[in-house]
N, C-alpha and C. Protein backbone atom coordinates (compact mmCIF):
# COMPACT_ATOMS: atom_id res chain seq x y z
N MET A 1 83.41 90.82 116.70
CA MET A 1 83.30 90.80 115.26
C MET A 1 82.50 89.56 114.85
N LYS A 2 81.73 89.73 113.80
CA LYS A 2 80.96 88.62 113.24
C LYS A 2 81.30 88.51 111.75
N ALA A 3 81.12 87.31 111.22
CA ALA A 3 81.34 87.08 109.79
C ALA A 3 80.07 86.47 109.20
N TYR A 4 79.85 86.76 107.94
CA TYR A 4 78.70 86.25 107.22
C TYR A 4 79.14 85.78 105.84
N VAL A 5 78.58 84.66 105.37
CA VAL A 5 78.87 84.15 104.04
C VAL A 5 77.60 84.23 103.20
N ASN A 6 77.69 84.90 102.06
CA ASN A 6 76.58 84.92 101.11
C ASN A 6 76.59 83.57 100.41
N GLN A 7 75.64 82.73 100.76
CA GLN A 7 75.59 81.35 100.27
C GLN A 7 75.47 81.28 98.75
N LYS A 8 74.78 82.23 98.15
CA LYS A 8 74.59 82.21 96.69
C LYS A 8 75.86 82.62 95.95
N ALA A 9 76.70 83.42 96.59
CA ALA A 9 77.92 83.91 95.93
C ALA A 9 79.11 82.97 96.13
N CYS A 10 79.06 82.14 97.15
CA CYS A 10 80.19 81.25 97.47
C CYS A 10 80.38 80.21 96.37
N ILE A 11 81.63 80.08 95.91
CA ILE A 11 81.96 79.09 94.87
C ILE A 11 82.76 77.92 95.43
N ARG A 12 82.85 77.81 96.75
CA ARG A 12 83.54 76.69 97.40
C ARG A 12 85.02 76.59 97.00
N CYS A 13 85.69 77.70 96.87
CA CYS A 13 87.09 77.66 96.47
C CYS A 13 87.99 77.11 97.58
N GLY A 14 87.53 77.21 98.84
CA GLY A 14 88.31 76.69 99.96
C GLY A 14 89.29 77.66 100.58
N LEU A 15 89.33 78.87 100.09
CA LEU A 15 90.29 79.84 100.60
C LEU A 15 89.99 80.25 102.04
N CYS A 16 88.72 80.48 102.35
CA CYS A 16 88.40 80.98 103.70
C CYS A 16 88.76 79.97 104.80
N PRO A 17 88.42 78.68 104.67
CA PRO A 17 88.85 77.77 105.74
C PRO A 17 90.36 77.52 105.75
N THR A 18 91.01 77.75 104.63
CA THR A 18 92.47 77.63 104.60
C THR A 18 93.10 78.77 105.40
N LEU A 19 92.58 79.98 105.22
CA LEU A 19 93.12 81.14 105.92
C LEU A 19 92.67 81.23 107.37
N CYS A 20 91.46 80.75 107.66
CA CYS A 20 90.93 80.90 109.01
C CYS A 20 90.01 79.72 109.36
N PRO A 21 90.59 78.55 109.60
CA PRO A 21 89.77 77.36 109.87
C PRO A 21 89.00 77.41 111.19
N GLU A 22 89.37 78.32 112.08
CA GLU A 22 88.65 78.46 113.34
C GLU A 22 87.31 79.16 113.16
N VAL A 23 87.12 79.83 112.01
CA VAL A 23 85.90 80.61 111.76
C VAL A 23 85.08 80.05 110.60
N PHE A 24 85.75 79.52 109.56
CA PHE A 24 85.06 79.06 108.36
C PHE A 24 85.29 77.57 108.12
N SER A 25 84.29 76.93 107.52
CA SER A 25 84.45 75.52 107.17
C SER A 25 83.72 75.21 105.87
N LEU A 26 84.18 74.13 105.24
CA LEU A 26 83.53 73.54 104.08
C LEU A 26 83.32 72.08 104.40
N ASP A 27 82.16 71.54 104.04
CA ASP A 27 81.95 70.12 104.26
C ASP A 27 82.00 69.38 102.92
N ASP A 28 81.86 68.09 102.96
CA ASP A 28 81.94 67.28 101.75
C ASP A 28 80.63 67.16 101.00
N SER A 29 79.58 67.82 101.48
CA SER A 29 78.26 67.69 100.86
C SER A 29 78.07 68.59 99.65
N GLY A 30 79.00 69.50 99.41
CA GLY A 30 78.85 70.43 98.30
C GLY A 30 78.19 71.74 98.70
N SER A 31 77.93 71.91 99.99
CA SER A 31 77.32 73.15 100.49
C SER A 31 78.35 74.28 100.46
N PRO A 32 77.87 75.52 100.40
CA PRO A 32 78.80 76.67 100.46
C PRO A 32 79.50 76.72 101.82
N ALA A 33 80.50 77.56 101.89
CA ALA A 33 81.23 77.76 103.15
C ALA A 33 80.28 78.19 104.25
N GLN A 34 80.65 77.84 105.48
CA GLN A 34 79.85 78.16 106.66
C GLN A 34 80.70 78.89 107.68
N VAL A 35 80.08 79.79 108.42
CA VAL A 35 80.72 80.40 109.58
C VAL A 35 80.43 79.48 110.75
N ILE A 36 81.47 79.09 111.48
CA ILE A 36 81.29 78.09 112.54
C ILE A 36 81.37 78.68 113.95
N THR A 37 81.40 79.99 114.07
CA THR A 37 81.41 80.63 115.38
C THR A 37 80.54 81.89 115.33
N ASP A 38 79.80 82.14 116.40
CA ASP A 38 78.94 83.32 116.44
C ASP A 38 79.75 84.60 116.56
N ASP A 39 80.65 84.63 117.52
CA ASP A 39 81.52 85.79 117.72
C ASP A 39 82.96 85.36 117.46
N ILE A 40 83.63 86.07 116.58
CA ILE A 40 85.01 85.74 116.23
C ILE A 40 85.93 86.17 117.37
N PRO A 41 86.70 85.22 117.91
CA PRO A 41 87.64 85.58 118.99
C PRO A 41 88.65 86.62 118.51
N GLN A 42 89.09 87.46 119.41
CA GLN A 42 90.03 88.54 119.10
C GLN A 42 91.24 88.02 118.32
N GLU A 43 91.78 86.87 118.74
CA GLU A 43 92.99 86.34 118.11
C GLU A 43 92.75 85.82 116.69
N GLN A 44 91.51 85.68 116.27
CA GLN A 44 91.19 85.20 114.92
C GLN A 44 90.67 86.30 114.00
N GLN A 45 90.50 87.50 114.51
CA GLN A 45 89.87 88.56 113.72
C GLN A 45 90.69 88.99 112.51
N ILE A 46 91.99 89.04 112.63
CA ILE A 46 92.83 89.42 111.49
C ILE A 46 92.73 88.37 110.39
N ALA A 47 92.77 87.10 110.76
CA ALA A 47 92.67 86.02 109.78
C ALA A 47 91.29 86.00 109.13
N ALA A 48 90.24 86.25 109.91
CA ALA A 48 88.89 86.27 109.35
C ALA A 48 88.73 87.42 108.36
N LYS A 49 89.29 88.57 108.69
CA LYS A 49 89.24 89.72 107.78
C LYS A 49 90.05 89.42 106.51
N ALA A 50 91.18 88.75 106.66
CA ALA A 50 91.99 88.38 105.49
C ALA A 50 91.21 87.42 104.59
N ALA A 51 90.48 86.49 105.18
CA ALA A 51 89.67 85.57 104.40
C ALA A 51 88.59 86.32 103.64
N ALA A 52 87.95 87.28 104.30
CA ALA A 52 86.91 88.08 103.64
C ALA A 52 87.52 88.90 102.50
N ASP A 53 88.65 89.52 102.75
CA ASP A 53 89.29 90.35 101.73
C ASP A 53 89.80 89.52 100.56
N SER A 54 90.13 88.26 100.79
CA SER A 54 90.69 87.39 99.76
C SER A 54 89.64 86.62 98.97
N CYS A 55 88.41 86.64 99.41
CA CYS A 55 87.35 85.86 98.74
C CYS A 55 87.19 86.33 97.30
N PRO A 56 87.35 85.42 96.33
CA PRO A 56 87.30 85.82 94.93
C PRO A 56 85.93 86.31 94.46
N THR A 57 84.87 85.97 95.17
CA THR A 57 83.53 86.42 94.78
C THR A 57 82.95 87.42 95.78
N GLN A 58 83.75 87.85 96.74
CA GLN A 58 83.33 88.78 97.78
C GLN A 58 82.09 88.27 98.51
N ALA A 59 82.05 86.97 98.76
CA ALA A 59 80.91 86.34 99.42
C ALA A 59 80.96 86.49 100.94
N ILE A 60 82.08 86.95 101.48
CA ILE A 60 82.24 87.05 102.93
C ILE A 60 82.29 88.51 103.33
N ARG A 61 81.56 88.81 104.39
CA ARG A 61 81.67 90.14 104.98
C ARG A 61 81.84 89.99 106.48
N THR A 62 82.56 90.95 107.06
CA THR A 62 82.74 90.97 108.50
C THR A 62 82.24 92.31 109.01
N GLU A 63 81.78 92.30 110.25
CA GLU A 63 81.35 93.55 110.88
C GLU A 63 81.59 93.46 112.37
N LEU A 64 81.77 94.63 112.96
CA LEU A 64 82.01 94.69 114.41
C LEU A 64 80.73 94.55 115.17
């Protein structure tokens, strides 16, 4: 599974790294959320999907 963040839609709410810090991160520079792994490990896929589903601006998508 892979995850993608639409940089223009991200509002930096912090929800994705809170739900799945192994896949998403926010830095202190004011940049949008970032995906920090190319392939999401099996044990993190449910949390990554939850982060995508919970994103208030639907800026995150996941695909197999």
